[in-house]
C-alpha atoms as a PDB file:
ATOM      1  CA  MET A   1     117.179  48.273  74.136  1.00  0.00           C
ATOM      2  CA  LYS A   2     114.738  49.631  71.486  1.00  0.00           C
ATOM      3  CA  ARG A   3     113.566  52.515  73.612  1.00  0.00           C
ATOM      4  CA  GLN A   4     116.708  53.740  74.544  1.00  0.00           C
ATOM      5  CA  SER A   5     118.024  54.140  70.879  1.00  0.00           C
ATOM      6  CA  SER A   6     114.654  55.724  69.637  1.00  0.00           C
ATOM      7  CA  LEU A   7     115.292  58.334  72.422  1.00  0.00           C
ATOM      8  CA  TYR A   8     119.010  58.781  72.009  1.00  0.00           C
ATOM      9  CA  PRO A   9     118.922  61.145  68.866  1.00  0.00           C
ATOM     10  CA  ILE A  10     116.850  63.437  71.024  1.00  0.00           C
ATOM     11  CA  GLY A  11     119.127  63.443  73.952  1.00  0.00           C
ATOM     12  CA  ALA A  12     122.241  63.735  71.706  1.00  0.00           C
ATOM     13  CA  ALA A  13     120.366  66.995  70.400  1.00  0.00           C
ATOM     14  CA  PHE A  14     119.973  68.548  73.484  1.00  0.00           C
ATOM     15  CA  LEU A  15     123.673  67.987  74.530  1.00  0.00           C
ATOM     16  CA  ALA A  16     124.177  69.969  71.118  1.00  0.00           C
ATOM     17  CA  LEU A  17     122.298  72.684  71.773  1.00  0.00           C
ATOM     18  CA  TRP A  18     123.439  73.086  75.633  1.00  0.00           C
ATOM     19  CA  THR A  19     126.940  72.731  74.394  1.00  0.00           C
ATOM     20  CA  GLY A  20     126.361  75.844  71.701  1.00  0.00           C
ATOM     21  CA  GLN A  21     126.822  73.744  68.946  1.00  0.00           C
ATOM     22  CA  ALA A  22     124.656  73.895  65.414  1.00  0.00           C
ATOM     23  CA  LEU A  23     121.018  73.979  65.784  1.00  0.00           C
ATOM     24  CA  ALA A  24     120.387  71.574  63.098  1.00  0.00           C
ATOM     25  CA  ALA A  25     120.134  69.024  65.796  1.00  0.00           C
ATOM     26  CA  GLN A  26     117.074  70.188  66.795  1.00  0.00           C
ATOM     27  CA  ALA A  27     113.832  67.798  66.580  1.00  0.00           C
ATOM     28  CA  LYS A  28     111.820  69.018  63.870  1.00  0.00           C
ATOM     29  CA  ILE A  29     108.079  67.620  63.492  1.00  0.00           C
ATOM     30  CA  ASP A  30     106.500  67.716  60.213  1.00  0.00           C
ATOM     31  CA  LEU A  31     102.523  68.081  60.082  1.00  0.00           C
ATOM     32  CA  ARG A  32      99.811  68.443  57.465  1.00  0.00           C
ATOM     33  CA  PRO A  33      96.987  71.102  58.315  1.00  0.00           C
ATOM     34  CA  GLY A  34      94.400  68.440  59.064  1.00  0.00           C
ATOM     35  CA  GLN A  35      97.003  66.840  61.583  1.00  0.00           C
ATOM     36  CA  ILE A  36      97.444  70.131  63.400  1.00  0.00           C
ATOM     37  CA  ALA A  37      93.543  70.792  63.928  1.00  0.00           C
ATOM     38  CA  SER A  38      92.912  67.318  64.882  1.00  0.00           C
ATOM     39  CA  LEU A  39      95.849  67.763  67.605  1.00  0.00           C
ATOM     40  CA  GLY A  40      94.106  70.695  68.846  1.00  0.00           C
ATOM     41  CA  ILE A  41      97.705  72.552  68.107  1.00  0.00           C
ATOM     42  CA  ARG A  42      97.422  76.510  69.108  1.00  0.00           C
ATOM     43  CA  THR A  43      99.839  79.168  68.929  1.00  0.00           C
ATOM     44  CA  ALA A  44     100.676  82.458  70.107  1.00  0.00           C
ATOM     45  CA  MET A  45     103.262  85.078  68.917  1.00  0.00           C
ATOM     46  CA  ALA A  46     106.216  85.846  71.133  1.00  0.00           C
ATOM     47  CA  GLU A  47     105.927  89.559  72.257  1.00  0.00           C
ATOM     48  CA  SER A  48     109.232  91.556  73.242  1.00  0.00           C
ATOM     49  CA  ALA A  49     109.774  91.815  76.932  1.00  0.00           C
ATOM     50  CA  THR A  50     111.024  94.804  78.365  1.00  0.00           C
ATOM     51  CA  ASP A  51     111.277  93.002  82.182  1.00  0.00           C
ATOM     52  CA  TYR A  52     110.778  90.051  83.926  1.00  0.00           C
ATOM     53  CA  LEU A  53     109.803  88.844  87.195  1.00  0.00           C
ATOM     54  CA  LEU A  54     112.721  88.758  89.642  1.00  0.00           C
ATOM     55  CA  ALA A  55     111.151  88.104  93.251  1.00  0.00           C
ATOM     56  CA  THR A  56     107.928  88.168  94.699  1.00  0.00           C
ATOM     57  CA  LEU A  57     108.190  89.593  98.053  1.00  0.00           C
ATOM     58  CA  PRO A  58     106.110  89.735 101.621  1.00  0.00           C
ATOM     59  CA  ALA A  59     105.456  93.649 101.886  1.00  0.00           C
ATOM     60  CA  VAL A  60     103.318  96.330 103.621  1.00  0.00           C
ATOM     61  CA  ILE A  61     101.980  99.443 102.176  1.00  0.00           C
ATOM     62  CA  ALA A  62     102.737 102.664 104.386  1.00  0.00           C
ATOM     63  CA  PRO A  63     103.205 106.456 104.007  1.00  0.00           C
ATOM     64  CA  PRO A  64     106.616 107.743 103.198  1.00  0.00           C
ATOM     65  CA  PRO A  65     108.430 109.663 105.687  1.00  0.00           C
ATOM     66  CA  ASN A  66     106.569 113.387 106.147  1.00  0.00           C
ATOM     67  CA  ALA A  67     103.148 111.946 104.648  1.00  0.00           C
ATOM     68  CA  ARG A  68     101.778 111.170 107.966  1.00  0.00           C
ATOM     69  CA  VAL A  69     101.296 114.170 110.059  1.00  0.00           C
ATOM     70  CA  ALA A  70     100.234 114.100 113.613  1.00  0.00           C
ATOM     71  CA  VAL A  71      98.123 117.077 114.550  1.00  0.00           C
ATOM     72  CA  ALA A  72      98.757 117.808 118.152  1.00  0.00           C
ATOM     73  CA  ALA A  73      96.697 119.938 120.773  1.00  0.00           C
ATOM     74  CA  THR A  74      98.852 123.260 120.799  1.00  0.00           C
ATOM     75  CA  PHE A  75      97.099 124.281 124.246  1.00  0.00           C
ATOM     76  CA  PRO A  76      95.663 121.838 126.766  1.00  0.00           C
ATOM     77  CA  GLY A  77      91.748 122.105 126.837  1.00  0.00           C
ATOM     78  CA  THR A  78      88.328 120.641 125.920  1.00  0.00           C
ATOM     79  CA  VAL A  79      86.640 119.832 122.932  1.00  0.00           C
ATOM     80  CA  GLN A  80      84.060 122.183 122.075  1.00  0.00           C
ATOM     81  CA  GLN A  81      83.436 120.514 118.660  1.00  0.00           C
ATOM     82  CA  THR A  82      84.540 117.921 116.026  1.00  0.00           C
ATOM     83  CA  LEU A  83      84.694 118.489 112.428  1.00  0.00           C
ATOM     84  CA  ALA A  84      85.852 115.852 110.670  1.00  0.00           C
ATOM     85  CA  VAL A  85      86.016 111.898 111.165  1.00  0.00           C
ATOM     86  CA  GLU A  86      88.270 109.139 110.380  1.00  0.00           C
ATOM     87  CA  GLY A  87      88.486 108.441 106.799  1.00  0.00           C
ATOM     88  CA  GLU A  88      87.481 111.695 105.903  1.00  0.00           C
ATOM     89  CA  MET A  89      89.522 113.626 102.818  1.00  0.00           C
ATOM     90  CA  VAL A  90      90.423 116.995 104.246  1.00  0.00           C
ATOM     91  CA  LYS A  91      92.393 119.913 102.527  1.00  0.00           C
ATOM     92  CA  LYS A  92      95.233 121.895 104.075  1.00  0.00           C
ATOM     93  CA  GLY A  93      93.989 124.384 106.370  1.00  0.00           C
ATOM     94  CA  GLN A  94      90.640 122.830 106.829  1.00  0.00           C
ATOM     95  CA  ALA A  95      89.156 122.821 110.426  1.00  0.00           C
ATOM     96  CA  LEU A  96      89.401 119.434 112.217  1.00  0.00           C
ATOM     97  CA  ALA A  97      88.109 120.614 115.748  1.00  0.00           C
ATOM     98  CA  VAL A  98      87.346 123.576 117.885  1.00  0.00           C
ATOM     99  CA  ILE A  99      88.918 123.260 121.361  1.00  0.00           C
ATOM    100  CA  ALA A 100      88.263 125.708 124.527  1.00  0.00           C
ATOM    101  CA  SER A 101      91.239 126.223 126.451  1.00  0.00           C
ATOM    102  CA  ARG A 102      91.939 128.558 129.634  1.00  0.00           C
ATOM    103  CA  GLU A 103      95.710 128.987 128.262  1.00  0.00           C
ATOM    104  CA  VAL A 104      94.562 130.516 125.014  1.00  0.00           C
ATOM    105  CA  MET A 105      92.487 132.962 127.454  1.00  0.00           C
ATOM    106  CA  GLN A 106      95.775 133.580 129.108  1.00  0.00           C
ATOM    107  CA  GLU A 107      97.566 134.214 126.215  1.00  0.00           C
ATOM    108  CA  SER A 108      94.858 136.934 124.515  1.00  0.00           C
ATOM    109  CA  ALA A 109      95.380 138.541 127.879  1.00  0.00           C
ATOM    110  CA  GLY A 110      99.452 138.378 127.417  1.00  0.00           C
ATOM    111  CA  LEU A 111      98.860 139.882 123.980  1.00  0.00           C
ATOM    112  CA  ALA A 112      96.551 142.759 125.249  1.00  0.00           C
ATOM    113  CA  GLN A 113      99.109 143.552 127.882  1.00  0.00           C
ATOM    114  CA  ALA A 114     102.026 143.328 125.365  1.00  0.00           C
ATOM    115  CA  ARG A 115     100.371 145.465 122.959  1.00  0.00           C
ATOM    116  CA  ALA A 116      99.678 147.974 125.617  1.00  0.00           C
ATOM    117  CA  LYS A 117     103.161 148.080 126.704  1.00  0.00           C
ATOM    118  CA  LEU A 118     104.089 148.619 122.924  1.00  0.00           C
ATOM    119  CA  ALA A 119     101.722 151.717 123.024  1.00  0.00           C
ATOM    120  CA  VAL A 120     103.948 153.159 125.886  1.00  0.00           C
ATOM    121  CA  ALA A 121     107.167 152.293 124.494  1.00  0.00           C
ATOM    122  CA  GLU A 122     106.315 154.120 121.191  1.00  0.00           C
ATOM    123  CA  SER A 123     105.208 157.290 122.844  1.00  0.00           C
ATOM    124  CA  ASN A 124     108.066 157.413 125.245  1.00  0.00           C
ATOM    125  CA  ALA A 125     110.311 156.355 122.151  1.00  0.00           C
ATOM    126  CA  ALA A 126     108.641 159.468 120.239  1.00  0.00           C
ATOM    127  CA  ARG A 127     109.110 161.626 123.022  1.00  0.00           C
ATOM    128  CA  GLN A 128     112.725 160.738 123.477  1.00  0.00           C
ATOM    129  CA  ARG A 129     113.432 161.512 119.889  1.00  0.00           C
ATOM    130  CA  ARG A 130     111.915 164.917 120.169  1.00  0.00           C
ATOM    131  CA  LEU A 131     114.176 165.823 123.199  1.00  0.00           C
ATOM    132  CA  GLY A 132     117.012 164.356 121.859  1.00  0.00           C
ATOM    133  CA  ALA A 133     116.704 166.148 118.632  1.00  0.00           C
ATOM    134  CA  GLU A 134     116.283 169.377 120.894  1.00  0.00           C
ATOM    135  CA  GLY A 135     119.402 168.608 122.801  1.00  0.00           C
ATOM    136  CA  ILE A 136     117.141 168.364 126.266  1.00  0.00           C
ATOM    137  CA  VAL A 137     118.359 164.519 126.939  1.00  0.00           C
ATOM    138  CA  ALA A 138     121.439 162.950 125.859  1.00  0.00           C
ATOM    139  CA  GLY A 139     121.388 160.456 123.005  1.00  0.00           C
ATOM    140  CA  ALA A 140     122.107 157.208 125.151  1.00  0.00           C
ATOM    141  CA  ARG A 141     118.364 158.151 126.432  1.00  0.00           C
ATOM    142  CA  VAL A 142     117.091 157.821 123.131  1.00  0.00           C
ATOM    143  CA  ASP A 143     119.079 154.748 122.148  1.00  0.00           C
ATOM    144  CA  GLU A 144     117.559 153.223 125.297  1.00  0.00           C
ATOM    145  CA  ALA A 145     113.787 154.047 124.504  1.00  0.00           C
ATOM    146  CA  GLU A 146     114.429 152.575 121.163  1.00  0.00           C
ATOM    147  CA  ALA A 147     115.703 149.668 122.218  1.00  0.00           C
ATOM    148  CA  GLU A 148     112.561 149.217 124.706  1.00  0.00           C
ATOM    149  CA  LEU A 149     110.376 149.946 121.782  1.00  0.00           C
ATOM    150  CA  ALA A 150     111.741 147.098 119.476  1.00  0.00           C
ATOM    151  CA  GLN A 151     111.535 144.747 122.488  1.00  0.00           C
ATOM    152  CA  ALA A 152     107.792 145.440 122.985  1.00  0.00           C
ATOM    153  CA  LYS A 153     107.305 145.143 119.167  1.00  0.00           C
ATOM    154  CA  ALA A 154     108.985 141.663 119.446  1.00  0.00           C
ATOM    155  CA  ASP A 155     106.882 140.431 122.253  1.00  0.00           C
ATOM    156  CA  ALA A 156     103.746 141.725 121.193  1.00  0.00           C
ATOM    157  CA  ALA A 157     104.297 140.120 117.638  1.00  0.00           C
ATOM    158  CA  ALA A 158     105.333 136.820 119.114  1.00  0.00           C
ATOM    159  CA  LYS A 159     102.241 136.582 120.889  1.00  0.00           C
ATOM    160  CA  ALA A 160     100.052 137.641 118.178  1.00  0.00           C
ATOM    161  CA  ALA A 161     101.823 135.080 115.935  1.00  0.00           C
ATOM    162  CA  ILE A 162     101.166 131.884 118.251  1.00  0.00           C
ATOM    163  CA  LEU A 163      96.972 133.206 118.913  1.00  0.00           C
ATOM    164  CA  ALA A 164      97.020 133.732 115.042  1.00  0.00           C
ATOM    165  CA  ALA A 165      98.658 130.088 114.163  1.00  0.00           C
ATOM    166  CA  VAL A 166      96.135 128.281 116.166  1.00  0.00           C
ATOM    167  CA  GLY A 167      93.210 130.204 115.096  1.00  0.00           C
ATOM    168  CA  ALA A 168      92.524 131.749 118.682  1.00  0.00           C
ATOM    169  CA  GLU A 169      89.004 133.445 118.842  1.00  0.00           C
ATOM    170  CA  GLY A 170      88.396 134.427 122.406  1.00  0.00           C
ATOM    171  CA  GLY A 171      89.125 131.475 124.946  1.00  0.00           C
ATOM    172  CA  THR A 172      88.781 128.946 121.872  1.00  0.00           C
ATOM    173  CA  TYR A 173      91.336 127.706 119.280  1.00  0.00           C
ATOM    174  CA  THR A 174      90.945 125.574 116.151  1.00  0.00           C
ATOM    175  CA  LEU A 175      93.118 122.495 114.931  1.00  0.00           C
ATOM    176  CA  ARG A 176      93.602 122.502 111.369  1.00  0.00           C
ATOM    177  CA  ALA A 177      94.941 119.716 108.834  1.00  0.00           C
ATOM    178  CA  PRO A 178      98.498 120.508 107.833  1.00  0.00           C
ATOM    179  CA  ILE A 179      98.319 118.794 104.730  1.00  0.00           C
ATOM    180  CA  ASP A 180      95.700 117.475 102.038  1.00  0.00           C
ATOM    181  CA  GLY A 181      94.976 113.854 102.876  1.00  0.00           C
ATOM    182  CA  VAL A 182      93.096 111.541 104.494  1.00  0.00           C
ATOM    183  CA  VAL A 183      92.175 111.354 108.268  1.00  0.00           C
ATOM    184  CA  ALA A 184      93.938 108.270 109.078  1.00  0.00           C
ATOM    185  CA  SER A 185      92.743 108.189 113.071  1.00  0.00           C
ATOM    186  CA  ALA A 186      90.527 110.654 115.081  1.00  0.00           C
ATOM    187  CA  HIS A 187      90.888 109.979 118.886  1.00  0.00           C
ATOM    188  CA  ILE A 188      88.740 113.026 119.852  1.00  0.00           C
ATOM    189  CA  GLU A 189      85.397 113.305 121.511  1.00  0.00           C
ATOM    190  CA  THR A 190      83.327 116.359 122.076  1.00  0.00           C
ATOM    191  CA  GLY A 191      83.427 117.425 125.583  1.00  0.00           C
ATOM    192  CA  HIS A 192      86.571 115.248 126.405  1.00  0.00           C
ATOM    193  CA  PRO A 193      89.844 116.947 127.598  1.00  0.00           C
ATOM    194  CA  VAL A 194      92.760 116.959 125.139  1.00  0.00           C
ATOM    195  CA  ASP A 195      96.439 117.693 125.868  1.00  0.00           C
ATOM    196  CA  THR A 196      99.733 118.493 124.201  1.00  0.00           C
ATOM    197  CA  ALA A 197     101.119 115.097 125.037  1.00  0.00           C
ATOM    198  CA  ASN A 198      98.513 113.551 122.465  1.00  0.00           C
ATOM    199  CA  ALA A 199      97.652 113.899 118.577  1.00  0.00           C
ATOM    200  CA  PRO A 200      93.676 113.694 118.504  1.00  0.00           C
ATOM    201  CA  PHE A 201      94.307 113.568 114.497  1.00  0.00           C
ATOM    202  CA  VAL A 202      96.710 112.058 112.271  1.00  0.00           C
ATOM    203  CA  VAL A 203      96.405 112.879 108.375  1.00  0.00           C
ATOM    204  CA  ASP A 204      97.713 110.675 105.749  1.00  0.00           C
ATOM    205  CA  ALA A 205      98.809 112.367 102.336  1.00  0.00           C
ATOM    206  CA  VAL A 206      97.111 110.944  99.688  1.00  0.00           C
ATOM    207  CA  GLY A 207      98.902 109.511  96.667  1.00  0.00           C
ATOM    208  CA  SER A 208     102.402 109.372  98.369  1.00  0.00           C
ATOM    209  CA  HIS A 209     102.036 105.712  99.899  1.00  0.00           C
ATOM    210  CA  GLU A 210     105.118 103.427  99.542  1.00  0.00           C
ATOM    211  CA  ILE A 211     105.889  99.603  99.345  1.00  0.00           C
ATOM    212  CA  GLU A 212     108.104  98.414 102.393  1.00  0.00           C
ATOM    213  CA  ALA A 213     109.639  94.921 102.148  1.00  0.00           C
ATOM    214  CA  GLN A 214     112.448  92.937 102.965  1.00  0.00           C
ATOM    215  CA  VAL A 215     115.140  91.533 100.387  1.00  0.00           C
ATOM    216  CA  PRO A 216     116.723  88.266 101.013  1.00  0.00           C
ATOM    217  CA  GLU A 217     120.373  88.089 101.180  1.00  0.00           C
ATOM    218  CA  ARG A 218     120.621  86.239  97.724  1.00  0.00           C
ATOM    219  CA  LEU A 219     118.989  88.846  96.016  1.00  0.00           C
ATOM    220  CA  VAL A 220     120.449  92.181  97.485  1.00  0.00           C
ATOM    221  CA  GLY A 221     122.718  93.687  94.614  1.00  0.00           C
ATOM    222  CA  LYS A 222     120.084  92.359  92.033  1.00  0.00           C
ATOM    223  CA  ILE A 223     117.547  94.489  92.825  1.00  0.00           C
ATOM    224  CA  ALA A 224     118.042  98.399  91.917  1.00  0.00           C
ATOM    225  CA  PRO A 225     116.307 101.950  92.123  1.00  0.00           C
ATOM    226  CA  GLY A 226     114.331 102.099  89.476  1.00  0.00           C
ATOM    227  CA  MET A 227     112.979  98.584  88.829  1.00  0.00           C
ATOM    228  CA  ARG A 228     109.214  98.088  88.581  1.00  0.00           C
ATOM    229  CA  VAL A 229     107.138  96.926  91.384  1.00  0.00           C
ATOM    230  CA  THR A 230     103.397  95.616  91.203  1.00  0.00           C
ATOM    231  CA  VAL A 231     100.729  94.946  93.933  1.00  0.00           C
ATOM    232  CA  GLY A 232      98.016  93.745  92.084  1.00  0.00           C
ATOM    233  CA  ALA A 233      96.808  96.501  90.160  1.00  0.00           C
ATOM    234  CA  LEU A 234      99.201  98.996  91.896  1.00  0.00           C
ATOM    235  CA  GLU A 235     102.318  99.904  89.990  1.00  0.00           C
ATOM    236  CA  ALA A 236     105.172 101.256  91.986  1.00  0.00           C
ATOM    237  CA  LYS A 237     109.227 102.089  91.375  1.00  0.00           C
ATOM    238  CA  VAL A 238     112.205 101.057  93.651  1.00  0.00           C
ATOM    239  CA  THR A 239     113.299 104.138  95.448  1.00  0.00           C
ATOM    240  CA  SER A 240     115.984 102.532  97.789  1.00  0.00           C
ATOM    241  CA  VAL A 241     117.543  99.162  98.335  1.00  0.00           C
ATOM    242  CA  GLY A 242     119.742  98.509 101.494  1.00  0.00           C
ATOM    243  CA  SER A 243     123.320  97.623 101.151  1.00  0.00           C
ATOM    244  CA  VAL A 244     123.699  96.364 104.568  1.00  0.00           C
ATOM    245  CA  ILE A 245     122.826  92.748 105.657  1.00  0.00           C
ATOM    246  CA  GLN A 246     120.492  92.906 108.856  1.00  0.00           C
ATOM    247  CA  ALA A 247     121.904  90.051 111.189  1.00  0.00           C
ATOM    248  CA  ASP A 248     118.722  88.777 112.649  1.00  0.00           C
ATOM    249  CA  THR A 249     116.823  88.635 109.508  1.00  0.00           C
ATOM    250  CA  ARG A 250     119.750  88.108 106.838  1.00  0.00           C
ATOM    251  CA  SER A 251     117.722  90.630 104.393  1.00  0.00           C
ATOM    252  CA  ALA A 252     117.908  94.551 103.616  1.00  0.00           C
ATOM    253  CA  ALA A 253     115.250  96.848 103.538  1.00  0.00           C
ATOM    254  CA  LEU A 254     113.541  98.209 100.279  1.00  0.00           C
ATOM    255  CA  LYS A 255     111.265 100.958  99.458  1.00  0.00           C
ATOM    256  CA  ALA A 256     109.338 101.523  96.340  1.00  0.00           C
ATOM    257  CA  ARG A 257     106.947 104.683  95.442  1.00  0.00           C
ATOM    258  CA  ILE A 258     103.617 104.204  94.575  1.00  0.00           C
ATOM    259  CA  ALA A 259     102.066 105.786  91.793  1.00  0.00           C
ATOM    260  CA  PRO A 260      99.882 108.966  92.917  1.00  0.00           C
ATOM    261  CA  ASN A 261      96.062 108.665  93.512  1.00  0.00           C
ATOM    262  CA  SER A 262      96.362 104.863  93.572  1.00  0.00           C
ATOM    263  CA  GLY A 263      93.652 104.348  96.088  1.00  0.00           C
ATOM    264  CA  ALA A 264      96.501 102.454  98.069  1.00  0.00           C
ATOM    265  CA  VAL A 265      95.700 102.126 101.920  1.00  0.00           C
ATOM    266  CA  ALA A 266      98.261 102.273 104.501  1.00  0.00           C
ATOM    267  CA  GLY A 267      98.792  99.409 106.839  1.00  0.00           C
ATOM    268  CA  ARG A 268      97.874  96.435 104.453  1.00  0.00           C
ATOM    269  CA  THR A 269     100.018  93.587 104.411  1.00  0.00           C
ATOM    270  CA  VAL A 270     100.586  92.475 100.467  1.00  0.00           C
ATOM    271  CA  LEU A 271     102.745  90.408  98.149  1.00  0.00           C
ATOM    272  CA  ALA A 272     105.056  92.931  95.878  1.00  0.00           C
ATOM    273  CA  ASN A 273     106.192  91.686  92.445  1.00  0.00           C
ATOM    274  CA  VAL A 274     109.534  92.905  91.656  1.00  0.00           C
ATOM    275  CA  PHE A 275     110.573  93.158  87.871  1.00  0.00           C
ATOM    276  CA  ALA A 276     114.396  93.348  86.616  1.00  0.00           C
ATOM    277  CA  PRO A 277     114.982  94.706  82.969  1.00  0.00           C
ATOM    278  CA  ALA A 278     114.915  91.889  80.490  1.00  0.00           C
ATOM    279  CA  PRO A 279     118.094  91.460  78.037  1.00  0.00           C
ATOM    280  CA  ALA A 280     118.136  92.357  74.640  1.00  0.00           C
ATOM    281  CA  GLY A 281     116.007  89.825  72.756  1.00  0.00           C
ATOM    282  CA  ALA A 282     113.739  88.781  75.639  1.00  0.00           C
ATOM    283  CA  VAL A 283     110.058  87.561  74.945  1.00  0.00           C
ATOM    284  CA  ARG A 284     107.091  87.186  76.666  1.00  0.00           C
ATOM    285  CA  LEU A 285     105.084  84.252  76.103  1.00  0.00           C
ATOM    286  CA  PRO A 286     102.080  82.481  78.128  1.00  0.00           C
ATOM    287  CA  LYS A 287     103.051  80.229  80.470  1.00  0.00           C
ATOM    288  CA  ALA A 288     101.462  77.329  79.085  1.00  0.00           C
ATOM    289  CA  ALA A 289     103.790  77.561  75.915  1.00  0.00           C
ATOM    290  CA  LEU A 290     106.832  76.227  78.303  1.00  0.00           C
ATOM    291  CA  THR A 291     107.366  72.481  78.544  1.00  0.00           C
ATOM    292  CA  ASP A 292     110.357  70.119  79.021  1.00  0.00           C
ATOM    293  CA  LEU A 293     111.942  67.206  77.274  1.00  0.00           C
ATOM    294  CA  ASN A 294     114.495  65.262  78.861  1.00  0.00           C
ATOM    295  CA  GLY A 295     114.412  67.442  82.195  1.00  0.00           C
ATOM    296  CA  ALA A 296     115.395  70.500  79.983  1.00  0.00           C
ATOM    297  CA  PRO A 297     112.870  73.548  79.340  1.00  0.00           C
ATOM    298  CA  VAL A 298     111.718  73.841  75.656  1.00  0.00           C
ATOM    299  CA  VAL A 299     108.871  75.458  73.444  1.00  0.00           C
ATOM    300  CA  PHE A 300     107.843  74.272  70.130  1.00  0.00           C
ATOM    301  CA  VAL A 301     108.375  77.111  67.432  1.00  0.00           C
ATOM    302  CA  GLN A 302     106.096  76.241  64.175  1.00  0.00           C
ATOM    303  CA  THR A 303     107.597  77.793  61.125  1.00  0.00           C
ATOM    304  CA  GLY A 304     104.879  76.570  58.347  1.00  0.00           C
ATOM    305  CA  GLY A 305     103.960  73.056  58.815  1.00  0.00           C
ATOM    306  CA  ASP A 306     107.015  72.128  60.715  1.00  0.00           C
ATOM    307  CA  PHE A 307     107.310  72.370  64.419  1.00  0.00           C
ATOM    308  CA  LEU A 308     110.825  72.885  65.964  1.00  0.00           C
ATOM    309  CA  VAL A 309     111.999  71.764  69.443  1.00  0.00           C
ATOM    310  CA  ARG A 310     113.732  74.767  70.952  1.00  0.00           C
ATOM    311  CA  PRO A 311     115.622  74.434  74.317  1.00  0.00           C
ATOM    312  CA  VAL A 312     114.921  77.953  76.281  1.00  0.00           C
ATOM    313  CA  THR A 313     116.697  80.039  78.964  1.00  0.00           C
ATOM    314  CA  THR A 314     113.617  81.077  81.097  1.00  0.00           C
ATOM    315  CA  ALA A 315     113.095  84.204  83.530  1.00  0.00           C
ATOM    316  CA  GLY A 316     110.423  84.842  86.122  1.00  0.00           C
ATOM    317  CA  ALA A 317     106.904  83.974  85.670  1.00  0.00           C
ATOM    318  CA  GLY A 318     104.036  86.590  86.686  1.00  0.00           C
ATOM    319  CA  GLY A 319     100.638  85.322  86.497  1.00  0.00           C
ATOM    320  CA  ALA A 320      99.954  83.534  83.372  1.00  0.00           C
ATOM    321  CA  GLU A 321     102.840  84.758  81.339  1.00  0.00           C
ATOM    322  CA  ILE A 322     106.616  83.757  81.453  1.00  0.00           C
ATOM    323  CA  VAL A 323     109.762  85.400  80.013  1.00  0.00           C
ATOM    324  CA  ILE A 324     112.130  83.845  77.863  1.00  0.00           C
ATOM    325  CA  LEU A 325     115.528  85.263  77.873  1.00  0.00           C
ATOM    326  CA  SER A 326     116.953  82.939  74.955  1.00  0.00           C
ATOM    327  CA  GLY A 327     115.842  80.524  72.474  1.00  0.00           C
ATOM    328  CA  VAL A 328     113.020  82.171  71.145  1.00  0.00           C
ATOM    329  CA  ALA A 329     112.949  85.499  68.742  1.00  0.00           C
ATOM    330  CA  PRO A 330     110.275  88.149  68.964  1.00  0.00           C
ATOM    331  CA  GLY A 331     107.412  87.583  66.190  1.00  0.00           C
ATOM    332  CA  GLU A 332     107.937  83.606  66.293  1.00  0.00           C
ATOM    333  CA  ALA A 333     104.700  81.563  66.561  1.00  0.00           C
ATOM    334  CA  VAL A 334     105.211  79.243  69.829  1.00  0.00           C
ATOM    335  CA  VAL A 335     102.513  76.314  70.469  1.00  0.00           C
ATOM    336  CA  THR A 336     100.343  77.017  73.699  1.00  0.00           C
ATOM    337  CA  ALA A 337      97.972  73.982  73.156  1.00  0.00           C
ATOM    338  CA  GLY A 338      98.764  70.375  71.782  1.00  0.00           C
ATOM    339  CA  LEU A 339     102.081  70.390  73.441  1.00  0.00           C
ATOM    340  CA  SER A 340     101.564  66.714  74.867  1.00  0.00           C
ATOM    341  CA  GLU A 341     100.740  65.467  71.223  1.00  0.00           C
ATOM    342  CA  LEU A 342     103.772  67.265  70.226  1.00  0.00           C
ATOM    343  CA  LYS A 343     106.147  65.861  72.779  1.00  0.00           C
ATOM    344  CA  SER A 344     104.935  62.334  72.174  1.00  0.00           C
ATOM    345  CA  ILE A 345     105.666  62.751  68.748  1.00  0.00           C
ATOM    346  CA  ALA A 346     109.068  64.010  69.297  1.00  0.00           C
ATOM    347  CA  LEU A 347     110.030  61.280  71.758  1.00  0.00           C
ATOM    348  CA  ALA A 348     109.075  58.759  69.074  1.00  0.00           C
ATOM    349  CA  LYS A 349     111.184  60.170  66.614  1.00  0.00           C
END
């Protein structure tokens, strides 16, 4: 009975606090400097918090759309020389491999024929223009010659563009990097055949990786674009969150863009921490500052030689820190060591 009566005032104080009544009901502990030192009490200053940990989600690092580019063989042929290996950094337009191809030889021959036909068409068109000007041939003949010339020009230009695009030279052409990035895969060997159905190289853009995760149904609507995401030391921002719940997983897709030049590696499975904006007045404290009395989360706030029991509302914890949404103001000194001793004194009052 004596123990119940000694605890009752503390319980009543917490009931008053949780129902919004005056803070005068807080437990107050008076200690002299020597007692503070002997109890090993240490404090940390509450700092304003801009966000708090809302969720930790299993995720994978992946390149965003258009950041992974497959370099396919334009013409079938045989690998004459490889110039890049997997993991190598490459610049846009850099040569990756030289391919010997019979089709390139045929295209080159076709270009030579097209240019020969173009020369004939130019000569014929010039002649028809002169004859037309002298009234020897009808205007329709001139128009016909001009049309044939235009067709010959277009045919030769198209063939020349194809060969120029692949870097054709004689009977070979060159595979080149389409973007600045890193060679993610290189399935190619000198002397082996290649065809247009496969991509000998895959290049990932540097600094353009994304975090892909699934948001559980209970969090859909609470995570929004712009929120901060961390994966270890990597920083990212949420770019999109699906609004449709997938029937099989009861979750929605989330994507976050990682800061450029982060050193992220596509394909890694990671844990992504998603942070939500903290309300005004929220503070960040060492996790060690939080304890409980009678089942309620509290901290001890020091004011001079006095220590006040403060009920608090907490948000997510990240690492060694925790965010307090209410109960502590920025700049207040909060106990981080000696909590057990203070709890014993508070419960004995």
